[in-house]
């Protein structure tokens, strides 16, 4: 989940966490070393401040820990939506793009273990067993297929029609067509084919 957070949310969580940890370390080590009777007569304010710090940390997790909904790019909002067709169970647009949720697809990419075998910058993966997915559009072009269709077929019925040289053709699991739901598959294709 932490990877889906925006940078500002990560900074907010990190800052609040750092303040909380600093407060804990100072009150556990520094202040008792300077005053062995700590908190002494300041017990009630110390407890109140500790409660406030705890609530601030919980509040930060609740506020900054929420995944933000990604805004639609301005160019997509001003264009006319493309018609959709169903090909082999996958819904694709006439422009060749998948109709799924790329954010959910990123989670499917991680949970299905794709990151262990493939390089894909959008997922931060660096596997070297399978083809580099940053060049997926080139592979689809060489196979003579629309990108979304090529991607779905490569996942459901490996090996793909085009596999770059140097990669084995019998390593890709053949179970994703059954183990992934149609929604998960569409989301994964959308993630792999976005932008």
N, C-alpha and C. Protein backbone atom coordinates (compact mmCIF):
# COMPACT_ATOMS: atom_id res chain seq x y z
N UNK A 1 0.82 -1.19 0.00
CA UNK A 1 0.00 0.00 0.00
C UNK A 1 0.87 1.26 0.00
N UNK A 2 1.99 1.22 0.69
CA UNK A 2 2.81 2.42 0.81
C UNK A 2 3.27 2.92 -0.56
N UNK A 3 3.42 1.99 -1.54
CA UNK A 3 3.87 2.40 -2.87
C UNK A 3 2.79 3.17 -3.62
N UNK A 4 1.53 2.97 -3.24
CA UNK A 4 0.43 3.66 -3.93
C UNK A 4 0.22 5.08 -3.41
N UNK A 5 0.88 5.43 -2.32
CA UNK A 5 0.70 6.77 -1.77
C UNK A 5 1.44 7.81 -2.58
N UNK A 6 0.90 9.02 -2.58
CA UNK A 6 1.59 10.10 -3.28
C UNK A 6 2.79 10.54 -2.45
N UNK A 7 3.67 11.28 -3.08
CA UNK A 7 4.89 11.74 -2.41
C UNK A 7 4.55 12.60 -1.20
N UNK A 8 3.56 13.49 -1.32
CA UNK A 8 3.20 14.35 -0.19
C UNK A 8 2.68 13.53 0.98
N UNK A 9 1.94 12.45 0.69
CA UNK A 9 1.46 11.59 1.77
C UNK A 9 2.63 10.87 2.44
N UNK A 10 3.58 10.42 1.65
CA UNK A 10 4.75 9.74 2.22
C UNK A 10 5.54 10.70 3.09
N UNK A 11 5.71 11.94 2.64
CA UNK A 11 6.44 12.93 3.42
C UNK A 11 5.70 13.24 4.72
N UNK A 12 4.38 13.38 4.65
CA UNK A 12 3.59 13.65 5.84
C UNK A 12 3.71 12.53 6.86
N UNK A 13 3.60 11.29 6.40
CA UNK A 13 3.75 10.14 7.31
C UNK A 13 5.16 10.08 7.88
N UNK A 14 6.15 10.27 7.05
CA UNK A 14 7.54 10.21 7.50
C UNK A 14 7.85 11.30 8.51
N UNK A 15 7.36 12.50 8.26
CA UNK A 15 7.61 13.62 9.18
C UNK A 15 6.95 13.37 10.53
N UNK A 16 5.69 12.97 10.51
CA UNK A 16 4.98 12.70 11.76
C UNK A 16 5.64 11.55 12.51
N UNK A 17 6.02 10.51 11.78
CA UNK A 17 6.71 9.38 12.41
C UNK A 17 8.04 9.79 13.02
N UNK A 18 8.79 10.63 12.32
CA UNK A 18 10.08 11.09 12.83
C UNK A 18 9.91 11.90 14.11
N UNK A 19 8.90 12.78 14.13
CA UNK A 19 8.63 13.58 15.34
C UNK A 19 8.26 12.66 16.49
N UNK A 20 7.41 11.68 16.24
CA UNK A 20 6.98 10.75 17.27
C UNK A 20 8.17 9.94 17.81
N UNK A 21 9.02 9.45 16.92
CA UNK A 21 10.19 8.68 17.34
C UNK A 21 11.16 9.55 18.12
N UNK A 22 11.39 10.79 17.65
CA UNK A 22 12.27 11.71 18.36
C UNK A 22 11.75 11.99 19.77
N UNK A 23 10.44 12.24 19.87
CA UNK A 23 9.82 12.48 21.18
C UNK A 23 10.03 11.26 22.09
N UNK A 24 9.83 10.07 21.55
CA UNK A 24 9.99 8.85 22.34
C UNK A 24 11.42 8.67 22.82
N UNK A 25 12.38 8.89 21.93
CA UNK A 25 13.79 8.73 22.30
C UNK A 25 14.23 9.76 23.35
N UNK A 26 13.81 11.00 23.15
CA UNK A 26 14.19 12.05 24.11
C UNK A 26 13.58 11.76 25.47
N UNK A 27 12.29 11.37 25.50
CA UNK A 27 11.64 11.14 26.79
C UNK A 27 12.09 9.84 27.44
N UNK A 28 12.64 8.91 26.67
CA UNK A 28 13.09 7.64 27.25
C UNK A 28 14.56 7.67 27.65
N UNK A 29 15.39 8.45 26.94
CA UNK A 29 16.82 8.41 27.21
C UNK A 29 17.41 9.74 27.68
N UNK A 30 17.14 10.80 26.98
CA UNK A 30 17.79 12.08 27.26
C UNK A 30 17.29 12.69 28.57
N UNK A 31 15.99 12.85 28.70
CA UNK A 31 15.45 13.50 29.91
C UNK A 31 15.71 12.70 31.18
N UNK A 32 15.55 11.38 31.19
CA UNK A 32 15.89 10.63 32.41
C UNK A 32 17.38 10.67 32.75
N UNK A 33 18.25 10.80 31.76
CA UNK A 33 19.69 10.89 32.02
C UNK A 33 20.03 12.22 32.67
N UNK A 34 19.31 13.29 32.29
CA UNK A 34 19.56 14.62 32.86
C UNK A 34 18.91 14.76 34.23
N UNK A 35 17.76 14.11 34.40
CA UNK A 35 17.02 14.20 35.66
C UNK A 35 16.52 12.81 36.02
N UNK A 36 17.20 12.11 36.92
CA UNK A 36 16.80 10.75 37.27
C UNK A 36 15.37 10.66 37.83
N UNK A 37 14.81 11.75 38.28
CA UNK A 37 13.46 11.77 38.83
C UNK A 37 12.40 12.09 37.76
N UNK A 38 12.80 12.10 36.48
CA UNK A 38 11.88 12.44 35.39
C UNK A 38 10.74 11.45 35.33
N UNK A 39 9.52 11.81 35.12
CA UNK A 39 8.95 13.13 34.93
C UNK A 39 8.63 13.85 36.24
N UNK A 40 8.76 13.16 37.37
CA UNK A 40 8.60 13.83 38.66
C UNK A 40 7.32 14.62 38.76
N UNK A 41 7.43 15.91 39.08
CA UNK A 41 6.25 16.76 39.27
C UNK A 41 5.55 17.09 37.96
N UNK A 42 6.16 16.73 36.81
CA UNK A 42 5.55 16.99 35.50
C UNK A 42 4.86 15.75 34.92
N UNK A 43 4.47 14.81 35.79
CA UNK A 43 3.87 13.56 35.34
C UNK A 43 2.59 13.80 34.54
N UNK A 44 1.68 14.62 35.05
CA UNK A 44 0.41 14.85 34.35
C UNK A 44 0.63 15.52 32.99
N UNK A 45 1.44 16.61 32.89
CA UNK A 45 1.69 17.18 31.56
C UNK A 45 2.40 16.20 30.62
N UNK A 46 3.30 15.36 31.16
CA UNK A 46 4.00 14.38 30.35
C UNK A 46 3.02 13.36 29.78
N UNK A 47 2.11 12.88 30.61
CA UNK A 47 1.10 11.92 30.15
C UNK A 47 0.20 12.58 29.09
N UNK A 48 -0.21 13.83 29.34
CA UNK A 48 -1.06 14.54 28.38
C UNK A 48 -0.33 14.72 27.05
N UNK A 49 0.94 15.10 27.10
CA UNK A 49 1.71 15.29 25.88
C UNK A 49 1.90 13.95 25.14
N UNK A 50 2.11 12.88 25.89
CA UNK A 50 2.26 11.55 25.28
C UNK A 50 0.98 11.13 24.57
N UNK A 51 -0.16 11.43 25.19
CA UNK A 51 -1.44 11.10 24.56
C UNK A 51 -1.63 11.93 23.28
N UNK A 52 -1.28 13.20 23.34
CA UNK A 52 -1.40 14.06 22.17
C UNK A 52 -0.50 13.55 21.04
N UNK A 53 0.72 13.17 21.36
CA UNK A 53 1.64 12.64 20.35
C UNK A 53 1.11 11.35 19.74
N UNK A 54 0.56 10.48 20.58
CA UNK A 54 -0.01 9.22 20.10
C UNK A 54 -1.18 9.50 19.15
N UNK A 55 -2.07 10.38 19.55
CA UNK A 55 -3.23 10.73 18.71
C UNK A 55 -2.78 11.39 17.40
N UNK A 56 -1.74 12.21 17.47
CA UNK A 56 -1.22 12.84 16.25
C UNK A 56 -0.69 11.78 15.29
N UNK A 57 -0.01 10.78 15.81
CA UNK A 57 0.52 9.72 14.94
C UNK A 57 -0.61 8.92 14.33
N UNK A 58 -1.62 8.55 15.12
CA UNK A 58 -2.76 7.81 14.59
C UNK A 58 -3.49 8.66 13.55
N UNK A 59 -3.68 9.95 13.86
CA UNK A 59 -4.33 10.85 12.92
C UNK A 59 -3.57 10.96 11.61
N UNK A 60 -2.24 11.01 11.70
CA UNK A 60 -1.42 11.09 10.49
C UNK A 60 -1.57 9.84 9.64
N UNK A 61 -1.63 8.68 10.28
CA UNK A 61 -1.82 7.44 9.54
C UNK A 61 -3.17 7.45 8.84
N UNK A 62 -4.20 7.91 9.54
CA UNK A 62 -5.54 7.96 8.94
C UNK A 62 -5.62 8.97 7.81
N UNK A 63 -5.00 10.12 7.98
CA UNK A 63 -5.08 11.18 6.96
C UNK A 63 -4.13 10.90 5.80
N UNK A 64 -2.86 10.67 6.12
CA UNK A 64 -1.86 10.51 5.06
C UNK A 64 -1.84 9.10 4.48
N UNK A 65 -2.39 8.14 5.21
CA UNK A 65 -2.36 6.74 4.75
C UNK A 65 -3.40 6.42 3.71
N UNK A 66 -4.32 7.33 3.46
CA UNK A 66 -5.35 7.07 2.45
C UNK A 66 -4.73 7.17 1.07
N UNK A 67 -5.12 6.24 0.21
CA UNK A 67 -4.67 6.30 -1.17
C UNK A 67 -5.47 7.37 -1.88
N UNK A 68 -4.78 8.23 -2.59
CA UNK A 68 -5.49 9.27 -3.32
C UNK A 68 -5.96 8.72 -4.65
N UNK A 69 -7.14 9.15 -5.07
CA UNK A 69 -7.64 8.73 -6.37
C UNK A 69 -6.88 9.52 -7.42
N UNK A 70 -6.41 8.80 -8.41
CA UNK A 70 -5.62 9.47 -9.44
C UNK A 70 -6.53 10.30 -10.33
N UNK A 71 -6.10 11.50 -10.58
CA UNK A 71 -6.87 12.40 -11.44
C UNK A 71 -6.75 11.96 -12.88
N UNK A 72 -7.81 12.18 -13.62
CA UNK A 72 -7.79 11.87 -15.04
C UNK A 72 -6.94 12.91 -15.74
N UNK A 73 -6.02 12.47 -16.60
CA UNK A 73 -5.21 13.44 -17.32
C UNK A 73 -6.10 14.37 -18.14
N UNK A 74 -5.67 15.62 -18.26
CA UNK A 74 -6.47 16.62 -18.97
C UNK A 74 -6.72 16.21 -20.41
N UNK A 75 -5.74 15.60 -21.05
CA UNK A 75 -5.92 15.21 -22.44
C UNK A 75 -6.98 14.13 -22.58
N UNK A 76 -7.06 13.22 -21.61
CA UNK A 76 -8.06 12.16 -21.67
C UNK A 76 -9.44 12.73 -21.40
N UNK A 77 -9.54 13.75 -20.57
CA UNK A 77 -10.82 14.32 -20.23
C UNK A 77 -11.42 15.09 -21.39
N UNK A 78 -10.60 15.61 -22.30
CA UNK A 78 -11.12 16.43 -23.38
C UNK A 78 -11.34 15.64 -24.66
N UNK A 79 -10.89 14.39 -24.72
CA UNK A 79 -11.07 13.62 -25.94
C UNK A 79 -12.37 12.84 -25.87
N UNK A 80 -12.87 12.47 -27.04
CA UNK A 80 -14.08 11.68 -27.12
C UNK A 80 -13.73 10.25 -26.75
N UNK A 81 -14.54 9.61 -25.89
CA UNK A 81 -14.23 8.25 -25.50
C UNK A 81 -14.27 7.32 -26.71
N UNK A 82 -13.34 6.38 -26.75
CA UNK A 82 -13.29 5.42 -27.84
C UNK A 82 -14.31 4.32 -27.60
N UNK A 83 -14.79 3.74 -28.66
CA UNK A 83 -15.71 2.62 -28.53
C UNK A 83 -14.94 1.42 -28.01
N UNK A 84 -15.66 0.52 -27.34
CA UNK A 84 -14.99 -0.66 -26.81
C UNK A 84 -15.50 -1.90 -27.50
N UNK A 85 -14.63 -2.88 -27.58
CA UNK A 85 -15.00 -4.17 -28.14
C UNK A 85 -14.48 -5.24 -27.22
N UNK A 86 -15.08 -6.42 -27.28
CA UNK A 86 -14.63 -7.53 -26.47
C UNK A 86 -13.93 -8.53 -27.36
N UNK A 87 -12.69 -8.84 -27.00
CA UNK A 87 -11.89 -9.77 -27.78
C UNK A 87 -11.37 -10.84 -26.84
N UNK A 88 -11.86 -12.04 -26.98
CA UNK A 88 -11.37 -13.13 -26.14
C UNK A 88 -11.58 -12.89 -24.66
N UNK A 89 -12.64 -12.20 -24.29
CA UNK A 89 -12.95 -11.97 -22.89
C UNK A 89 -12.38 -10.68 -22.33
N UNK A 90 -11.47 -10.04 -23.04
CA UNK A 90 -10.89 -8.80 -22.53
C UNK A 90 -11.54 -7.62 -23.23
N UNK A 91 -11.87 -6.62 -22.51
CA UNK A 91 -12.45 -5.43 -23.10
C UNK A 91 -11.33 -4.47 -23.44
N UNK A 92 -11.30 -4.07 -24.70
CA UNK A 92 -10.27 -3.14 -25.14
C UNK A 92 -10.93 -2.02 -25.91
N UNK A 93 -10.28 -0.90 -25.96
CA UNK A 93 -10.82 0.22 -26.71
C UNK A 93 -10.38 0.09 -28.16
N UNK A 94 -11.03 0.84 -29.02
CA UNK A 94 -10.66 0.79 -30.44
C UNK A 94 -9.28 1.38 -30.67
N UNK A 95 -8.77 2.12 -29.70
CA UNK A 95 -7.43 2.67 -29.85
C UNK A 95 -6.37 1.68 -29.38
N UNK A 96 -6.78 0.49 -28.90
CA UNK A 96 -5.83 -0.53 -28.49
C UNK A 96 -5.49 -0.51 -27.02
N UNK A 97 -6.03 0.43 -26.25
CA UNK A 97 -5.75 0.50 -24.83
C UNK A 97 -6.70 -0.38 -24.04
N UNK A 98 -6.27 -0.85 -22.91
CA UNK A 98 -7.11 -1.70 -22.08
C UNK A 98 -8.03 -0.85 -21.23
N UNK A 99 -9.20 -1.42 -20.91
CA UNK A 99 -10.11 -0.72 -20.01
C UNK A 99 -10.09 -1.46 -18.69
N UNK A 100 -9.20 -1.09 -17.86
CA UNK A 100 -9.06 -1.64 -16.52
C UNK A 100 -8.51 -0.54 -15.65
N UNK A 101 -8.29 -0.86 -14.40
CA UNK A 101 -7.76 0.11 -13.44
C UNK A 101 -6.26 -0.11 -13.30
N UNK A 102 -5.44 0.81 -13.84
CA UNK A 102 -3.98 0.62 -13.76
C UNK A 102 -3.46 0.58 -12.32
N UNK A 103 -4.10 1.31 -11.41
CA UNK A 103 -3.65 1.30 -10.01
C UNK A 103 -3.86 -0.08 -9.41
N UNK A 104 -5.04 -0.66 -9.66
CA UNK A 104 -5.31 -2.02 -9.18
C UNK A 104 -4.41 -3.01 -9.90
N UNK A 105 -4.11 -2.73 -11.17
CA UNK A 105 -3.22 -3.60 -11.94
C UNK A 105 -1.82 -3.66 -11.38
N UNK A 106 -1.37 -2.54 -10.80
CA UNK A 106 -0.04 -2.52 -10.17
C UNK A 106 0.00 -3.50 -9.00
N UNK A 107 -1.09 -3.55 -8.24
CA UNK A 107 -1.17 -4.49 -7.12
C UNK A 107 -1.19 -5.93 -7.62
N UNK A 108 -1.90 -6.18 -8.72
CA UNK A 108 -1.93 -7.53 -9.31
C UNK A 108 -0.53 -7.91 -9.80
N UNK A 109 0.17 -6.97 -10.41
CA UNK A 109 1.53 -7.20 -10.89
C UNK A 109 2.42 -7.69 -9.74
N UNK A 110 2.30 -7.04 -8.59
CA UNK A 110 3.12 -7.42 -7.44
C UNK A 110 2.67 -8.75 -6.84
N UNK A 111 1.36 -8.92 -6.67
CA UNK A 111 0.85 -10.12 -6.00
C UNK A 111 1.02 -11.37 -6.86
N UNK A 112 1.00 -11.22 -8.18
CA UNK A 112 1.18 -12.37 -9.06
C UNK A 112 2.65 -12.74 -9.24
N UNK A 113 3.54 -11.92 -8.71
CA UNK A 113 4.97 -12.22 -8.78
C UNK A 113 5.65 -11.79 -10.07
N UNK A 114 4.97 -10.96 -10.87
CA UNK A 114 5.54 -10.52 -12.15
C UNK A 114 6.86 -9.77 -11.93
N UNK A 115 6.94 -9.04 -10.81
CA UNK A 115 8.13 -8.24 -10.53
C UNK A 115 9.38 -9.09 -10.31
N UNK A 116 9.22 -10.36 -10.01
CA UNK A 116 10.38 -11.22 -9.80
C UNK A 116 11.07 -11.59 -11.12
N UNK A 117 10.31 -11.54 -12.22
CA UNK A 117 10.86 -11.99 -13.50
C UNK A 117 11.08 -10.89 -14.52
N UNK A 118 10.35 -9.77 -14.38
CA UNK A 118 10.38 -8.76 -15.44
C UNK A 118 10.90 -7.41 -14.95
N UNK A 119 11.58 -6.71 -15.84
CA UNK A 119 11.92 -5.30 -15.64
C UNK A 119 10.69 -4.50 -16.04
N UNK A 120 10.25 -3.60 -15.17
CA UNK A 120 9.15 -2.69 -15.51
C UNK A 120 9.27 -1.49 -14.60
N UNK A 121 9.68 -0.36 -15.16
CA UNK A 121 9.94 0.84 -14.36
C UNK A 121 8.74 1.29 -13.56
N UNK A 122 7.54 1.23 -14.14
CA UNK A 122 6.33 1.69 -13.45
C UNK A 122 6.07 0.90 -12.17
N UNK A 123 6.58 -0.33 -12.11
CA UNK A 123 6.41 -1.16 -10.91
C UNK A 123 7.66 -1.17 -10.05
N UNK A 124 8.73 -0.58 -10.55
CA UNK A 124 9.99 -0.59 -9.81
C UNK A 124 10.61 -1.97 -9.77
N UNK A 125 10.32 -2.80 -10.76
CA UNK A 125 10.85 -4.16 -10.76
C UNK A 125 12.07 -4.28 -11.66
N UNK A 126 12.91 -5.24 -11.34
CA UNK A 126 14.16 -5.39 -12.09
C UNK A 126 14.52 -6.85 -12.34
N UNK A 127 13.51 -7.71 -12.49
CA UNK A 127 13.77 -9.11 -12.77
C UNK A 127 14.40 -9.29 -14.14
N UNK A 128 15.18 -10.34 -14.31
CA UNK A 128 15.88 -10.53 -15.58
C UNK A 128 15.55 -11.87 -16.24
N UNK A 129 14.59 -12.59 -15.70
CA UNK A 129 14.25 -13.90 -16.26
C UNK A 129 13.40 -13.74 -17.52
N UNK A 130 12.43 -12.82 -17.48
CA UNK A 130 11.54 -12.60 -18.61
C UNK A 130 11.87 -11.32 -19.34
N UNK A 131 11.16 -11.07 -20.45
CA UNK A 131 11.41 -9.86 -21.25
C UNK A 131 11.17 -8.57 -20.47
N UNK A 132 11.84 -7.52 -20.90
CA UNK A 132 11.72 -6.18 -20.33
C UNK A 132 10.38 -5.59 -20.76
N UNK A 133 9.48 -5.40 -19.81
CA UNK A 133 8.13 -4.94 -20.12
C UNK A 133 8.06 -3.45 -20.44
N UNK A 134 9.15 -2.74 -20.27
CA UNK A 134 9.18 -1.34 -20.69
C UNK A 134 9.16 -1.24 -22.22
N UNK A 135 9.42 -2.36 -22.91
CA UNK A 135 9.43 -2.40 -24.37
C UNK A 135 8.25 -3.20 -24.92
N UNK A 136 7.18 -3.33 -24.12
CA UNK A 136 6.02 -4.12 -24.50
C UNK A 136 5.40 -3.65 -25.81
N UNK A 137 5.34 -2.34 -26.03
CA UNK A 137 4.74 -1.82 -27.27
C UNK A 137 5.56 -2.26 -28.48
N UNK A 138 6.88 -2.30 -28.35
CA UNK A 138 7.73 -2.76 -29.45
C UNK A 138 7.47 -4.23 -29.76
N UNK A 139 7.29 -5.03 -28.70
CA UNK A 139 7.03 -6.46 -28.89
C UNK A 139 5.70 -6.67 -29.61
N UNK A 140 4.69 -5.89 -29.22
CA UNK A 140 3.37 -6.01 -29.86
C UNK A 140 3.45 -5.62 -31.33
N UNK A 141 4.22 -4.58 -31.62
CA UNK A 141 4.39 -4.15 -33.01
C UNK A 141 5.06 -5.24 -33.83
N UNK A 142 6.09 -5.86 -33.27
CA UNK A 142 6.80 -6.93 -33.98
C UNK A 142 5.92 -8.16 -34.16
N UNK A 143 4.97 -8.37 -33.23
CA UNK A 143 4.05 -9.49 -33.36
C UNK A 143 2.88 -9.14 -34.27
N UNK A 144 2.73 -7.85 -34.62
CA UNK A 144 1.66 -7.42 -35.50
C UNK A 144 0.30 -7.40 -34.83
N UNK A 145 0.26 -7.11 -33.52
CA UNK A 145 -1.01 -7.10 -32.78
C UNK A 145 -1.17 -5.79 -32.02
N UNK A 146 -2.42 -5.42 -31.74
CA UNK A 146 -2.64 -4.26 -30.86
C UNK A 146 -2.04 -4.54 -29.50
N UNK A 147 -1.55 -3.51 -28.85
CA UNK A 147 -0.82 -3.65 -27.59
C UNK A 147 -1.61 -4.40 -26.52
N UNK A 148 -2.86 -3.97 -26.27
CA UNK A 148 -3.65 -4.60 -25.20
C UNK A 148 -3.92 -6.07 -25.51
N UNK A 149 -4.24 -6.37 -26.76
CA UNK A 149 -4.52 -7.76 -27.14
C UNK A 149 -3.26 -8.61 -27.00
N UNK A 150 -2.13 -8.10 -27.47
CA UNK A 150 -0.86 -8.81 -27.36
C UNK A 150 -0.53 -9.08 -25.90
N UNK A 151 -0.71 -8.06 -25.06
CA UNK A 151 -0.37 -8.18 -23.64
C UNK A 151 -1.24 -9.23 -22.97
N UNK A 152 -2.54 -9.19 -23.22
CA UNK A 152 -3.45 -10.16 -22.60
C UNK A 152 -3.11 -11.58 -23.05
N UNK A 153 -2.89 -11.76 -24.35
CA UNK A 153 -2.56 -13.09 -24.86
C UNK A 153 -1.24 -13.60 -24.28
N UNK A 154 -0.27 -12.70 -24.12
CA UNK A 154 1.03 -13.10 -23.56
C UNK A 154 0.89 -13.57 -22.12
N UNK A 155 -0.08 -13.00 -21.38
CA UNK A 155 -0.31 -13.39 -19.99
C UNK A 155 -1.10 -14.69 -19.91
N UNK A 156 -2.17 -14.78 -20.70
CA UNK A 156 -3.09 -15.91 -20.61
C UNK A 156 -2.56 -17.14 -21.33
N UNK A 157 -1.94 -16.96 -22.49
CA UNK A 157 -1.48 -18.10 -23.30
C UNK A 157 -0.02 -17.94 -23.70
N UNK A 158 0.89 -17.99 -22.72
CA UNK A 158 2.29 -17.85 -23.08
C UNK A 158 2.78 -19.10 -23.83
N UNK A 159 3.82 -18.98 -24.61
CA UNK A 159 4.62 -17.79 -24.82
C UNK A 159 3.95 -16.83 -25.80
N UNK A 160 4.35 -15.58 -25.71
CA UNK A 160 3.82 -14.57 -26.60
C UNK A 160 4.27 -14.86 -28.03
N UNK A 161 3.55 -14.29 -29.02
CA UNK A 161 3.91 -14.50 -30.42
C UNK A 161 5.29 -13.97 -30.72
N UNK A 162 5.71 -12.97 -29.94
CA UNK A 162 7.06 -12.44 -30.12
C UNK A 162 7.74 -12.41 -28.76
N UNK A 163 8.83 -13.12 -28.64
CA UNK A 163 9.66 -13.08 -27.43
C UNK A 163 11.05 -12.65 -27.88
N UNK A 164 11.58 -11.59 -27.29
CA UNK A 164 12.91 -11.14 -27.70
C UNK A 164 13.96 -12.25 -27.52
N UNK A 165 14.97 -12.20 -28.32
CA UNK A 165 16.02 -13.21 -28.22
C UNK A 165 16.71 -13.11 -26.86
N UNK A 166 17.14 -14.25 -26.38
CA UNK A 166 17.85 -14.29 -25.11
C UNK A 166 16.96 -14.65 -23.93
N UNK A 167 15.65 -14.76 -24.17
CA UNK A 167 14.75 -15.12 -23.08
C UNK A 167 14.12 -16.48 -23.39
N UNK A 168 14.01 -17.34 -22.38
CA UNK A 168 13.37 -18.64 -22.61
C UNK A 168 11.87 -18.45 -22.89
N UNK A 169 11.31 -19.34 -23.69
CA UNK A 169 9.90 -19.23 -24.05
C UNK A 169 9.00 -20.11 -23.19
N UNK A 170 9.56 -20.90 -22.30
CA UNK A 170 8.73 -21.83 -21.53
C UNK A 170 8.77 -21.56 -20.03
N UNK A 171 9.09 -20.34 -19.61
CA UNK A 171 9.21 -20.03 -18.20
C UNK A 171 7.96 -19.34 -17.66
N UNK A 172 7.27 -18.58 -18.48
CA UNK A 172 6.07 -17.84 -18.06
C UNK A 172 5.00 -18.84 -17.60
N UNK A 173 4.44 -18.64 -16.38
CA UNK A 173 3.37 -19.54 -15.91
C UNK A 173 2.18 -19.52 -16.87
N UNK A 174 1.59 -20.68 -17.07
CA UNK A 174 0.44 -20.79 -17.97
C UNK A 174 -0.89 -20.76 -17.22
N UNK A 175 -0.84 -20.46 -15.94
CA UNK A 175 -2.05 -20.54 -15.09
C UNK A 175 -2.76 -19.21 -14.88
N UNK A 176 -2.18 -18.11 -15.36
CA UNK A 176 -2.77 -16.80 -15.07
C UNK A 176 -4.17 -16.64 -15.67
N UNK A 177 -4.46 -17.31 -16.78
CA UNK A 177 -5.80 -17.24 -17.37
C UNK A 177 -6.87 -17.79 -16.45
N UNK A 178 -6.48 -18.70 -15.55
CA UNK A 178 -7.42 -19.30 -14.61
C UNK A 178 -7.29 -18.72 -13.21
N UNK A 179 -6.08 -18.37 -12.81
CA UNK A 179 -5.87 -17.90 -11.43
C UNK A 179 -6.21 -16.42 -11.24
N UNK A 180 -6.21 -15.65 -12.32
CA UNK A 180 -6.59 -14.24 -12.23
C UNK A 180 -8.03 -14.09 -12.70
N UNK A 181 -8.81 -13.29 -11.99
CA UNK A 181 -10.17 -13.01 -12.43
C UNK A 181 -10.12 -12.13 -13.67
N UNK A 182 -11.26 -12.01 -14.36
CA UNK A 182 -11.31 -11.16 -15.55
C UNK A 182 -10.98 -9.71 -15.18
N UNK A 183 -11.45 -9.26 -14.03
CA UNK A 183 -11.16 -7.89 -13.57
C UNK A 183 -9.68 -7.72 -13.31
N UNK A 184 -9.08 -8.69 -12.61
CA UNK A 184 -7.64 -8.61 -12.32
C UNK A 184 -6.84 -8.59 -13.62
N UNK A 185 -7.25 -9.41 -14.57
CA UNK A 185 -6.54 -9.48 -15.84
C UNK A 185 -6.65 -8.15 -16.59
N UNK A 186 -7.85 -7.58 -16.64
CA UNK A 186 -8.02 -6.28 -17.31
C UNK A 186 -7.22 -5.19 -16.60
N UNK A 187 -7.21 -5.24 -15.27
CA UNK A 187 -6.45 -4.24 -14.50
C UNK A 187 -4.96 -4.40 -14.78
N UNK A 188 -4.47 -5.63 -14.82
CA UNK A 188 -3.05 -5.88 -15.09
C UNK A 188 -2.67 -5.40 -16.49
N UNK A 189 -3.51 -5.69 -17.47
CA UNK A 189 -3.25 -5.24 -18.85
C UNK A 189 -3.25 -3.71 -18.90
N UNK A 190 -4.19 -3.09 -18.20
CA UNK A 190 -4.23 -1.61 -18.17
C UNK A 190 -2.96 -1.05 -17.56
N UNK A 191 -2.47 -1.66 -16.49
CA UNK A 191 -1.23 -1.20 -15.85
C UNK A 191 -0.04 -1.33 -16.79
N UNK A 192 0.04 -2.47 -17.46
CA UNK A 192 1.18 -2.73 -18.33
C UNK A 192 1.18 -1.88 -19.60
N UNK A 193 -0.01 -1.47 -20.05
CA UNK A 193 -0.11 -0.76 -21.32
C UNK A 193 -0.37 0.74 -21.17
N UNK A 194 -0.41 1.24 -19.95
CA UNK A 194 -0.67 2.67 -19.77
C UNK A 194 0.49 3.50 -20.28
N UNK A 195 0.15 4.68 -20.77
CA UNK A 195 1.11 5.69 -21.21
C UNK A 195 2.22 5.16 -21.96
